N, C-alpha and C. Protein backbone atom coordinates (compact mmCIF):
# COMPACT_ATOMS: atom_id res chain seq x y z
N UNK A 1 62.81 53.58 25.32
CA UNK A 1 62.87 53.22 23.92
C UNK A 1 62.79 51.70 23.78
N UNK A 2 61.91 51.25 22.95
CA UNK A 2 61.73 49.82 22.74
C UNK A 2 62.86 49.25 21.87
N UNK A 3 63.18 48.00 22.12
CA UNK A 3 64.15 47.28 21.31
C UNK A 3 63.36 46.40 20.35
N UNK A 4 63.56 46.61 19.07
CA UNK A 4 62.82 45.83 18.09
C UNK A 4 63.66 44.66 17.60
N UNK A 5 63.01 43.51 17.46
CA UNK A 5 63.69 42.28 17.11
C UNK A 5 63.82 42.08 15.60
N UNK A 6 63.22 42.95 14.81
CA UNK A 6 63.28 42.84 13.36
C UNK A 6 63.22 44.25 12.77
N UNK A 7 64.00 44.53 11.74
CA UNK A 7 63.92 45.85 11.11
C UNK A 7 62.58 46.05 10.40
N UNK A 8 62.07 47.26 10.45
CA UNK A 8 60.79 47.60 9.81
C UNK A 8 60.84 47.29 8.31
N UNK A 9 61.95 47.64 7.66
CA UNK A 9 62.03 47.39 6.21
C UNK A 9 61.98 45.90 5.89
N UNK A 10 62.44 45.05 6.82
CA UNK A 10 62.38 43.59 6.62
C UNK A 10 60.93 43.12 6.64
N UNK A 11 60.12 43.70 7.50
CA UNK A 11 58.69 43.36 7.54
C UNK A 11 58.04 43.70 6.21
N UNK A 12 58.36 44.87 5.68
CA UNK A 12 57.79 45.27 4.39
C UNK A 12 58.28 44.38 3.25
N UNK A 13 59.56 44.03 3.26
CA UNK A 13 60.14 43.20 2.19
C UNK A 13 59.59 41.78 2.19
N UNK A 14 59.33 41.25 3.36
CA UNK A 14 58.97 39.83 3.49
C UNK A 14 57.48 39.60 3.66
N UNK A 15 56.66 40.59 3.36
CA UNK A 15 55.22 40.44 3.59
C UNK A 15 54.42 41.11 2.47
N UNK A 16 53.11 41.05 2.62
CA UNK A 16 52.21 41.68 1.66
C UNK A 16 51.96 43.15 1.97
N UNK A 17 52.63 43.69 2.96
CA UNK A 17 52.44 45.10 3.29
C UNK A 17 52.90 45.98 2.14
N UNK A 18 52.10 46.94 1.82
CA UNK A 18 52.46 47.90 0.78
C UNK A 18 53.55 48.83 1.33
N UNK A 19 54.39 49.30 0.45
CA UNK A 19 55.47 50.20 0.88
C UNK A 19 54.96 51.52 1.44
N UNK A 20 53.70 51.86 1.14
CA UNK A 20 53.17 53.13 1.63
C UNK A 20 52.64 53.05 3.06
N UNK A 21 52.67 51.87 3.68
CA UNK A 21 52.23 51.77 5.07
C UNK A 21 53.21 52.56 5.94
N UNK A 22 52.67 53.43 6.75
CA UNK A 22 53.46 54.31 7.59
C UNK A 22 54.30 53.50 8.58
N UNK A 23 55.59 53.79 8.64
CA UNK A 23 56.48 53.10 9.59
C UNK A 23 56.01 53.26 11.03
N UNK A 24 55.43 54.39 11.36
CA UNK A 24 54.91 54.62 12.71
C UNK A 24 53.86 53.57 13.08
N UNK A 25 52.98 53.25 12.13
CA UNK A 25 51.96 52.23 12.38
C UNK A 25 52.59 50.85 12.55
N UNK A 26 53.60 50.56 11.75
CA UNK A 26 54.29 49.27 11.87
C UNK A 26 55.00 49.16 13.21
N UNK A 27 55.63 50.24 13.65
CA UNK A 27 56.34 50.24 14.94
C UNK A 27 55.38 49.90 16.08
N UNK A 28 54.21 50.52 16.06
CA UNK A 28 53.22 50.27 17.12
C UNK A 28 52.79 48.81 17.10
N UNK A 29 52.48 48.29 15.91
CA UNK A 29 52.04 46.90 15.79
C UNK A 29 53.16 45.92 16.15
N UNK A 30 54.39 46.24 15.78
CA UNK A 30 55.53 45.37 16.11
C UNK A 30 55.74 45.32 17.61
N UNK A 31 55.65 46.45 18.27
CA UNK A 31 55.81 46.47 19.73
C UNK A 31 54.73 45.59 20.38
N UNK A 32 53.49 45.72 19.91
CA UNK A 32 52.41 44.89 20.44
C UNK A 32 52.67 43.41 20.15
N UNK A 33 53.14 43.10 18.95
CA UNK A 33 53.41 41.71 18.58
C UNK A 33 54.50 41.11 19.47
N UNK A 34 55.54 41.87 19.73
CA UNK A 34 56.63 41.37 20.58
C UNK A 34 56.15 41.11 22.00
N UNK A 35 55.41 42.05 22.56
CA UNK A 35 55.01 41.95 23.96
C UNK A 35 53.82 41.00 24.16
N UNK A 36 52.86 41.03 23.25
CA UNK A 36 51.63 40.26 23.44
C UNK A 36 51.67 38.86 22.83
N UNK A 37 52.53 38.63 21.86
CA UNK A 37 52.54 37.33 21.18
C UNK A 37 53.87 36.60 21.36
N UNK A 38 54.99 37.28 21.05
CA UNK A 38 56.28 36.59 21.12
C UNK A 38 56.72 36.32 22.55
N UNK A 39 56.73 37.35 23.40
CA UNK A 39 57.24 37.16 24.76
C UNK A 39 56.50 36.07 25.53
N UNK A 40 55.17 36.02 25.50
CA UNK A 40 54.50 34.91 26.20
C UNK A 40 54.83 33.54 25.60
N UNK A 41 55.12 33.49 24.32
CA UNK A 41 55.42 32.22 23.67
C UNK A 41 56.80 31.69 24.04
N UNK A 42 57.78 32.57 24.17
CA UNK A 42 59.15 32.11 24.45
C UNK A 42 59.55 32.31 25.90
N UNK A 43 58.75 33.04 26.67
CA UNK A 43 59.06 33.28 28.07
C UNK A 43 59.90 34.54 28.27
N UNK A 44 59.73 35.13 29.42
CA UNK A 44 60.39 36.40 29.73
C UNK A 44 61.92 36.28 29.75
N UNK A 45 62.43 35.16 30.25
CA UNK A 45 63.89 35.01 30.36
C UNK A 45 64.56 34.96 28.99
N UNK A 46 64.01 34.17 28.07
CA UNK A 46 64.60 34.11 26.73
C UNK A 46 64.39 35.42 26.00
N UNK A 47 63.23 36.02 26.16
CA UNK A 47 62.96 37.32 25.54
C UNK A 47 64.00 38.35 26.01
N UNK A 48 64.25 38.39 27.32
CA UNK A 48 65.22 39.33 27.88
C UNK A 48 66.64 39.04 27.40
N UNK A 49 66.98 37.76 27.26
CA UNK A 49 68.31 37.39 26.76
C UNK A 49 68.51 37.93 25.34
N UNK A 50 67.51 37.73 24.48
CA UNK A 50 67.61 38.21 23.10
C UNK A 50 67.65 39.74 23.07
N UNK A 51 66.82 40.35 23.87
CA UNK A 51 66.80 41.82 23.95
C UNK A 51 68.16 42.37 24.36
N UNK A 52 68.78 41.73 25.33
CA UNK A 52 70.11 42.15 25.79
C UNK A 52 71.16 41.96 24.69
N UNK A 53 71.10 40.84 23.99
CA UNK A 53 72.04 40.61 22.88
C UNK A 53 71.91 41.69 21.81
N UNK A 54 70.69 42.12 21.53
CA UNK A 54 70.48 43.18 20.53
C UNK A 54 71.00 44.51 21.05
N UNK A 55 70.62 44.85 22.28
CA UNK A 55 71.01 46.15 22.86
C UNK A 55 72.51 46.30 23.02
N UNK A 56 73.21 45.20 23.25
CA UNK A 56 74.67 45.26 23.43
C UNK A 56 75.43 44.92 22.15
N UNK A 57 74.70 44.84 21.03
CA UNK A 57 75.29 44.52 19.72
C UNK A 57 76.07 43.21 19.74
N UNK A 58 75.59 42.22 20.49
CA UNK A 58 76.26 40.93 20.59
C UNK A 58 75.54 39.81 19.84
N UNK A 59 74.37 40.10 19.26
CA UNK A 59 73.59 39.06 18.60
C UNK A 59 74.38 38.40 17.47
N UNK A 60 75.09 39.17 16.69
CA UNK A 60 75.86 38.62 15.57
C UNK A 60 77.02 37.74 16.03
N UNK A 61 77.41 37.85 17.30
CA UNK A 61 78.50 37.05 17.84
C UNK A 61 78.04 35.69 18.35
N UNK A 62 76.74 35.45 18.37
CA UNK A 62 76.21 34.18 18.87
C UNK A 62 75.40 33.52 17.77
N UNK A 63 76.00 32.57 17.05
CA UNK A 63 75.31 31.99 15.89
C UNK A 63 74.00 31.28 16.23
N UNK A 64 73.90 30.68 17.41
CA UNK A 64 72.65 30.01 17.78
C UNK A 64 71.50 31.00 17.94
N UNK A 65 71.75 32.08 18.65
CA UNK A 65 70.70 33.08 18.86
C UNK A 65 70.42 33.87 17.57
N UNK A 66 71.44 34.07 16.76
CA UNK A 66 71.24 34.75 15.48
C UNK A 66 70.36 33.90 14.57
N UNK A 67 70.62 32.60 14.52
CA UNK A 67 69.79 31.70 13.72
C UNK A 67 68.35 31.69 14.26
N UNK A 68 68.20 31.59 15.56
CA UNK A 68 66.87 31.63 16.18
C UNK A 68 66.12 32.88 15.76
N UNK A 69 66.81 34.01 15.81
CA UNK A 69 66.18 35.28 15.48
C UNK A 69 65.76 35.33 14.02
N UNK A 70 66.72 35.09 13.12
CA UNK A 70 66.45 35.30 11.70
C UNK A 70 65.61 34.20 11.06
N UNK A 71 65.75 32.98 11.53
CA UNK A 71 65.06 31.85 10.89
C UNK A 71 63.76 31.44 11.58
N UNK A 72 63.55 31.84 12.81
CA UNK A 72 62.35 31.42 13.54
C UNK A 72 61.53 32.62 14.03
N UNK A 73 62.16 33.52 14.75
CA UNK A 73 61.43 34.63 15.36
C UNK A 73 60.96 35.63 14.32
N UNK A 74 61.76 35.91 13.31
CA UNK A 74 61.35 36.89 12.30
C UNK A 74 60.05 36.48 11.62
N UNK A 75 59.90 35.19 11.29
CA UNK A 75 58.66 34.74 10.65
C UNK A 75 57.45 34.98 11.55
N UNK A 76 57.62 34.72 12.83
CA UNK A 76 56.53 34.98 13.78
C UNK A 76 56.20 36.47 13.81
N UNK A 77 57.22 37.29 13.93
CA UNK A 77 56.99 38.74 14.08
C UNK A 77 56.43 39.37 12.80
N UNK A 78 56.84 38.92 11.65
CA UNK A 78 56.28 39.46 10.41
C UNK A 78 54.77 39.24 10.39
N UNK A 79 54.35 38.02 10.66
CA UNK A 79 52.93 37.69 10.62
C UNK A 79 52.15 38.27 11.79
N UNK A 80 52.76 38.30 12.96
CA UNK A 80 52.09 38.88 14.13
C UNK A 80 51.91 40.38 13.96
N UNK A 81 52.87 41.04 13.35
CA UNK A 81 52.77 42.48 13.11
C UNK A 81 51.63 42.78 12.14
N UNK A 82 51.55 42.03 11.07
CA UNK A 82 50.45 42.23 10.12
C UNK A 82 49.11 41.94 10.79
N UNK A 83 49.07 40.90 11.59
CA UNK A 83 47.85 40.56 12.33
C UNK A 83 47.42 41.73 13.21
N UNK A 84 48.37 42.33 13.91
CA UNK A 84 48.05 43.47 14.79
C UNK A 84 47.66 44.70 13.97
N UNK A 85 48.26 44.87 12.81
CA UNK A 85 47.96 46.02 11.94
C UNK A 85 46.59 45.94 11.28
N UNK A 86 46.11 44.75 11.05
CA UNK A 86 44.95 44.55 10.17
C UNK A 86 43.72 45.35 10.55
N UNK A 87 43.49 45.57 11.81
CA UNK A 87 42.35 46.40 12.22
C UNK A 87 42.78 47.86 12.36
N UNK A 88 43.94 48.07 12.92
CA UNK A 88 44.35 49.43 13.27
C UNK A 88 44.69 50.31 12.08
N UNK A 89 45.01 49.73 10.93
CA UNK A 89 45.25 50.55 9.75
C UNK A 89 43.96 51.15 9.20
N UNK A 90 42.87 50.50 9.49
CA UNK A 90 41.58 50.92 8.94
C UNK A 90 40.94 52.05 9.74
N UNK A 91 41.30 52.16 11.01
CA UNK A 91 40.66 53.15 11.89
C UNK A 91 41.69 54.07 12.53
N UNK A 92 41.27 55.29 12.82
CA UNK A 92 42.12 56.29 13.47
C UNK A 92 41.38 56.86 14.67
N UNK A 93 42.11 57.02 15.74
CA UNK A 93 41.56 57.66 16.94
C UNK A 93 41.87 59.14 16.86
N UNK A 94 40.85 59.97 16.90
CA UNK A 94 41.03 61.42 16.81
C UNK A 94 40.25 62.08 17.94
N UNK A 95 40.42 63.39 18.07
CA UNK A 95 39.64 64.14 19.07
C UNK A 95 38.14 64.07 18.78
N UNK A 96 37.81 63.86 17.53
CA UNK A 96 36.40 63.80 17.12
C UNK A 96 35.80 62.41 17.29
N UNK A 97 36.62 61.43 17.64
CA UNK A 97 36.14 60.06 17.79
C UNK A 97 36.98 59.10 16.98
N UNK A 98 36.47 57.91 16.81
CA UNK A 98 37.16 56.90 16.02
C UNK A 98 36.66 57.01 14.59
N UNK A 99 37.59 57.23 13.68
CA UNK A 99 37.23 57.45 12.28
C UNK A 99 37.75 56.30 11.42
N UNK A 100 36.96 55.94 10.43
CA UNK A 100 37.39 54.95 9.45
C UNK A 100 38.18 55.68 8.37
N UNK A 101 39.39 55.16 8.07
CA UNK A 101 40.19 55.77 7.01
C UNK A 101 39.42 55.75 5.71
N UNK A 102 39.46 56.86 4.99
CA UNK A 102 38.72 56.96 3.74
C UNK A 102 39.64 57.54 2.68
N UNK A 103 40.08 56.70 1.78
CA UNK A 103 40.94 57.12 0.69
C UNK A 103 40.12 57.08 -0.60
N UNK A 104 39.99 58.22 -1.29
CA UNK A 104 39.15 58.24 -2.49
C UNK A 104 39.64 57.33 -3.61
N UNK A 105 40.90 56.95 -3.62
CA UNK A 105 41.41 56.12 -4.71
C UNK A 105 41.39 54.62 -4.37
N UNK A 106 40.82 54.26 -3.21
CA UNK A 106 40.73 52.84 -2.86
C UNK A 106 39.42 52.57 -2.14
N UNK A 107 39.08 51.30 -2.06
CA UNK A 107 37.85 50.88 -1.39
C UNK A 107 38.22 49.94 -0.27
N UNK A 108 37.71 50.20 0.93
CA UNK A 108 37.96 49.32 2.06
C UNK A 108 37.16 48.03 1.91
N UNK A 109 37.71 46.96 2.45
CA UNK A 109 36.99 45.69 2.40
C UNK A 109 35.91 45.67 3.47
N UNK A 110 34.95 44.78 3.32
CA UNK A 110 33.90 44.70 4.34
C UNK A 110 34.39 43.88 5.53
N UNK A 111 33.59 43.89 6.58
CA UNK A 111 33.97 43.27 7.84
C UNK A 111 34.17 41.75 7.70
N UNK A 112 33.35 41.10 6.91
CA UNK A 112 33.47 39.65 6.72
C UNK A 112 34.80 39.31 6.05
N UNK A 113 35.15 40.05 5.01
CA UNK A 113 36.43 39.81 4.34
C UNK A 113 37.61 40.12 5.25
N UNK A 114 37.47 41.18 6.04
CA UNK A 114 38.53 41.54 6.99
C UNK A 114 38.75 40.41 7.99
N UNK A 115 37.68 39.86 8.51
CA UNK A 115 37.81 38.75 9.46
C UNK A 115 38.44 37.52 8.83
N UNK A 116 38.11 37.24 7.56
CA UNK A 116 38.73 36.11 6.87
C UNK A 116 40.24 36.33 6.73
N UNK A 117 40.62 37.54 6.37
CA UNK A 117 42.05 37.85 6.25
C UNK A 117 42.76 37.74 7.59
N UNK A 118 42.12 38.25 8.64
CA UNK A 118 42.72 38.17 9.98
C UNK A 118 42.86 36.71 10.43
N UNK A 119 41.84 35.90 10.18
CA UNK A 119 41.91 34.49 10.56
C UNK A 119 43.03 33.78 9.79
N UNK A 120 43.16 34.10 8.52
CA UNK A 120 44.23 33.51 7.72
C UNK A 120 45.59 33.91 8.29
N UNK A 121 45.78 35.20 8.56
CA UNK A 121 47.07 35.67 9.08
C UNK A 121 47.34 35.07 10.46
N UNK A 122 46.30 34.93 11.27
CA UNK A 122 46.46 34.32 12.58
C UNK A 122 46.88 32.86 12.45
N UNK A 123 46.31 32.15 11.46
CA UNK A 123 46.70 30.76 11.22
C UNK A 123 48.15 30.63 10.81
N UNK A 124 48.60 31.51 9.94
CA UNK A 124 50.01 31.50 9.51
C UNK A 124 50.91 31.82 10.71
N UNK A 125 50.52 32.83 11.49
CA UNK A 125 51.29 33.21 12.67
C UNK A 125 51.38 32.04 13.65
N UNK A 126 50.26 31.36 13.88
CA UNK A 126 50.24 30.22 14.81
C UNK A 126 51.14 29.08 14.32
N UNK A 127 51.17 28.86 13.00
CA UNK A 127 52.04 27.82 12.44
C UNK A 127 53.51 28.16 12.73
N UNK A 128 53.88 29.42 12.51
CA UNK A 128 55.26 29.83 12.80
C UNK A 128 55.56 29.80 14.30
N UNK A 129 54.57 30.12 15.13
CA UNK A 129 54.77 30.01 16.58
C UNK A 129 55.03 28.56 16.98
N UNK A 130 54.29 27.63 16.41
CA UNK A 130 54.51 26.21 16.71
C UNK A 130 55.87 25.74 16.23
N UNK A 131 56.28 26.19 15.06
CA UNK A 131 57.62 25.84 14.57
C UNK A 131 58.70 26.39 15.50
N UNK A 132 58.50 27.61 15.98
CA UNK A 132 59.45 28.22 16.92
C UNK A 132 59.51 27.40 18.21
N UNK A 133 58.37 27.05 18.75
CA UNK A 133 58.35 26.27 20.00
C UNK A 133 58.97 24.90 19.80
N UNK A 134 58.66 24.24 18.67
CA UNK A 134 59.29 22.94 18.37
C UNK A 134 60.81 23.07 18.35
N UNK A 135 61.28 24.09 17.67
CA UNK A 135 62.72 24.29 17.56
C UNK A 135 63.34 24.52 18.94
N UNK A 136 62.69 25.33 19.76
CA UNK A 136 63.21 25.60 21.10
C UNK A 136 63.21 24.35 21.98
N UNK A 137 62.17 23.56 21.86
CA UNK A 137 62.09 22.32 22.64
C UNK A 137 63.20 21.36 22.25
N UNK A 138 63.44 21.24 20.95
CA UNK A 138 64.47 20.33 20.47
C UNK A 138 65.89 20.85 20.70
N UNK A 139 66.01 22.13 20.99
CA UNK A 139 67.33 22.74 21.17
C UNK A 139 67.44 23.44 22.54
N UNK A 140 66.86 22.80 23.55
CA UNK A 140 66.89 23.38 24.90
C UNK A 140 68.32 23.61 25.40
N UNK A 141 69.23 22.75 24.98
CA UNK A 141 70.62 22.92 25.42
C UNK A 141 71.24 24.21 24.89
N UNK A 142 70.77 24.71 23.74
CA UNK A 142 71.28 25.96 23.18
C UNK A 142 70.60 27.19 23.77
N UNK A 143 69.37 27.00 24.25
CA UNK A 143 68.57 28.12 24.75
C UNK A 143 68.00 27.77 26.13
N UNK A 144 68.87 27.70 27.14
CA UNK A 144 68.40 27.26 28.47
C UNK A 144 67.38 28.22 29.10
N UNK A 145 67.33 29.44 28.63
CA UNK A 145 66.38 30.42 29.19
C UNK A 145 64.94 30.09 28.82
N UNK A 146 64.74 29.29 27.78
CA UNK A 146 63.40 29.02 27.28
C UNK A 146 62.46 28.47 28.35
N UNK A 147 62.90 27.51 29.12
CA UNK A 147 62.02 26.91 30.11
C UNK A 147 62.27 27.42 31.53
N UNK A 148 63.06 28.48 31.66
CA UNK A 148 63.25 29.07 32.98
C UNK A 148 62.02 29.88 33.35
N UNK A 149 61.56 29.68 34.56
CA UNK A 149 60.35 30.33 35.01
C UNK A 149 60.68 31.69 35.61
N UNK A 150 59.94 32.69 35.19
CA UNK A 150 60.04 34.02 35.77
C UNK A 150 58.63 34.43 36.17
N UNK A 151 58.25 34.07 37.39
CA UNK A 151 56.88 34.32 37.84
C UNK A 151 56.54 35.80 37.83
N UNK A 152 57.50 36.64 38.15
CA UNK A 152 57.24 38.08 38.20
C UNK A 152 56.86 38.63 36.83
N UNK A 153 57.40 38.05 35.78
CA UNK A 153 57.12 38.50 34.43
C UNK A 153 56.01 37.71 33.76
N UNK A 154 55.47 36.70 34.44
CA UNK A 154 54.42 35.89 33.85
C UNK A 154 54.92 34.95 32.77
N UNK A 155 56.18 34.52 32.90
CA UNK A 155 56.76 33.62 31.91
C UNK A 155 56.10 32.27 31.94
N UNK A 156 56.35 31.47 30.91
CA UNK A 156 55.66 30.19 30.84
C UNK A 156 56.20 29.19 31.85
N UNK A 157 55.30 28.43 32.42
CA UNK A 157 55.67 27.24 33.15
C UNK A 157 55.55 26.11 32.15
N UNK A 158 56.48 25.20 32.16
CA UNK A 158 56.41 24.08 31.24
C UNK A 158 56.29 22.81 32.06
N UNK A 159 55.44 21.92 31.60
CA UNK A 159 55.22 20.66 32.30
C UNK A 159 55.17 19.54 31.26
N UNK A 160 56.07 18.56 31.41
CA UNK A 160 56.07 17.42 30.51
C UNK A 160 55.10 16.36 31.03
N UNK A 161 54.41 15.71 30.09
CA UNK A 161 53.48 14.67 30.47
C UNK A 161 53.21 13.80 29.24
N UNK A 162 53.76 12.59 29.18
CA UNK A 162 53.50 11.66 28.08
C UNK A 162 53.64 12.31 26.70
N UNK A 163 54.79 12.82 26.40
CA UNK A 163 55.10 13.47 25.12
C UNK A 163 54.33 14.77 24.89
N UNK A 164 53.72 15.31 25.90
CA UNK A 164 53.06 16.61 25.80
C UNK A 164 53.87 17.62 26.57
N UNK A 165 54.02 18.78 26.02
CA UNK A 165 54.64 19.88 26.73
C UNK A 165 53.55 20.93 26.87
N UNK A 166 53.09 21.12 28.08
CA UNK A 166 52.00 22.05 28.33
C UNK A 166 52.55 23.35 28.89
N UNK A 167 52.17 24.45 28.27
CA UNK A 167 52.56 25.77 28.74
C UNK A 167 51.38 26.38 29.46
N UNK A 168 51.62 26.95 30.63
CA UNK A 168 50.56 27.68 31.28
C UNK A 168 51.17 28.88 31.99
N UNK A 169 50.37 29.89 32.18
CA UNK A 169 50.83 31.16 32.69
C UNK A 169 50.12 31.46 34.00
N UNK A 170 50.87 31.62 35.07
CA UNK A 170 50.25 31.83 36.38
C UNK A 170 49.54 33.17 36.45
N UNK A 171 48.27 33.14 36.77
CA UNK A 171 47.51 34.36 36.98
C UNK A 171 47.16 35.12 35.72
N UNK A 172 47.48 34.59 34.56
CA UNK A 172 47.21 35.28 33.31
C UNK A 172 46.39 34.35 32.42
N UNK A 173 45.29 34.83 31.92
CA UNK A 173 44.45 34.03 31.04
C UNK A 173 44.72 34.45 29.60
N UNK A 174 45.54 33.70 28.90
CA UNK A 174 45.90 34.02 27.52
C UNK A 174 45.30 32.98 26.59
N UNK A 175 44.47 33.43 25.65
CA UNK A 175 43.84 32.50 24.72
C UNK A 175 44.86 31.72 23.90
N UNK A 176 45.97 32.36 23.56
CA UNK A 176 46.94 31.70 22.70
C UNK A 176 47.95 30.87 23.47
N UNK A 177 47.82 30.77 24.79
CA UNK A 177 48.71 29.92 25.58
C UNK A 177 48.12 28.51 25.60
N UNK A 178 48.11 27.89 24.44
CA UNK A 178 47.47 26.59 24.27
C UNK A 178 48.46 25.47 24.55
N UNK A 179 47.93 24.28 24.65
CA UNK A 179 48.79 23.11 24.85
C UNK A 179 49.56 22.79 23.58
N UNK A 180 50.76 22.37 23.77
CA UNK A 180 51.59 21.93 22.67
C UNK A 180 51.73 20.42 22.79
N UNK A 181 51.49 19.71 21.73
CA UNK A 181 51.67 18.27 21.71
C UNK A 181 52.84 17.96 20.80
N UNK A 182 53.83 17.29 21.33
CA UNK A 182 55.00 16.93 20.54
C UNK A 182 54.61 15.87 19.52
N UNK A 183 54.90 16.15 18.26
CA UNK A 183 54.68 15.21 17.18
C UNK A 183 55.96 15.16 16.36
N UNK A 184 56.59 14.00 16.28
CA UNK A 184 57.86 13.90 15.55
C UNK A 184 57.78 14.42 14.11
N UNK A 185 56.63 14.26 13.46
CA UNK A 185 56.52 14.70 12.07
C UNK A 185 56.65 16.21 11.94
N UNK A 186 56.39 16.97 13.03
CA UNK A 186 56.53 18.43 13.00
C UNK A 186 57.99 18.85 12.95
N UNK A 187 58.89 17.97 13.31
CA UNK A 187 60.29 18.35 13.46
C UNK A 187 61.19 17.81 12.35
N UNK A 188 60.65 17.13 11.39
CA UNK A 188 61.50 16.49 10.39
C UNK A 188 62.28 17.47 9.53
N UNK A 189 61.85 18.72 9.46
CA UNK A 189 62.57 19.70 8.64
C UNK A 189 63.66 20.44 9.39
N UNK A 190 63.90 20.08 10.64
CA UNK A 190 64.92 20.80 11.40
C UNK A 190 66.25 20.17 11.19
């Protein structure tokens, strides 16, 4: 059983998702968002620490991790979940093949519009990912697991170089594992 870092109803409340979106679809997209987007961004050690706090009902007892979850991670997961949903809500895998959902009371958008929406959602998600990383970098003393290397899990290696913090993943080619450049103006709201 997967441990989810955000309640499904919170995703619906805090996003443009219609209330009629099936929770099952959201669960699948959320699981993908956590494993494919969040975990590589924060590293396996911090991900496991948060997962353990949730599973043992201890998250509410740690104000630093609770703040991290509700004020930083939730924004990432809301947008990453919608990003993951954007294609999969339109198509269904069946025994007859891959079918495009067809609802007589609505009209699906075309591929160009869909890509524009996905790019927009990806941009919002990336902005929240950068805010999360900035916060973790500035608060390393509160979250020591962030820069701990877990080679077996493919966690991030961090390397400082002239105000740059570069993340790279051994043996894994991830498009979103981009370089982070520290800019003081990004942190003025913390």
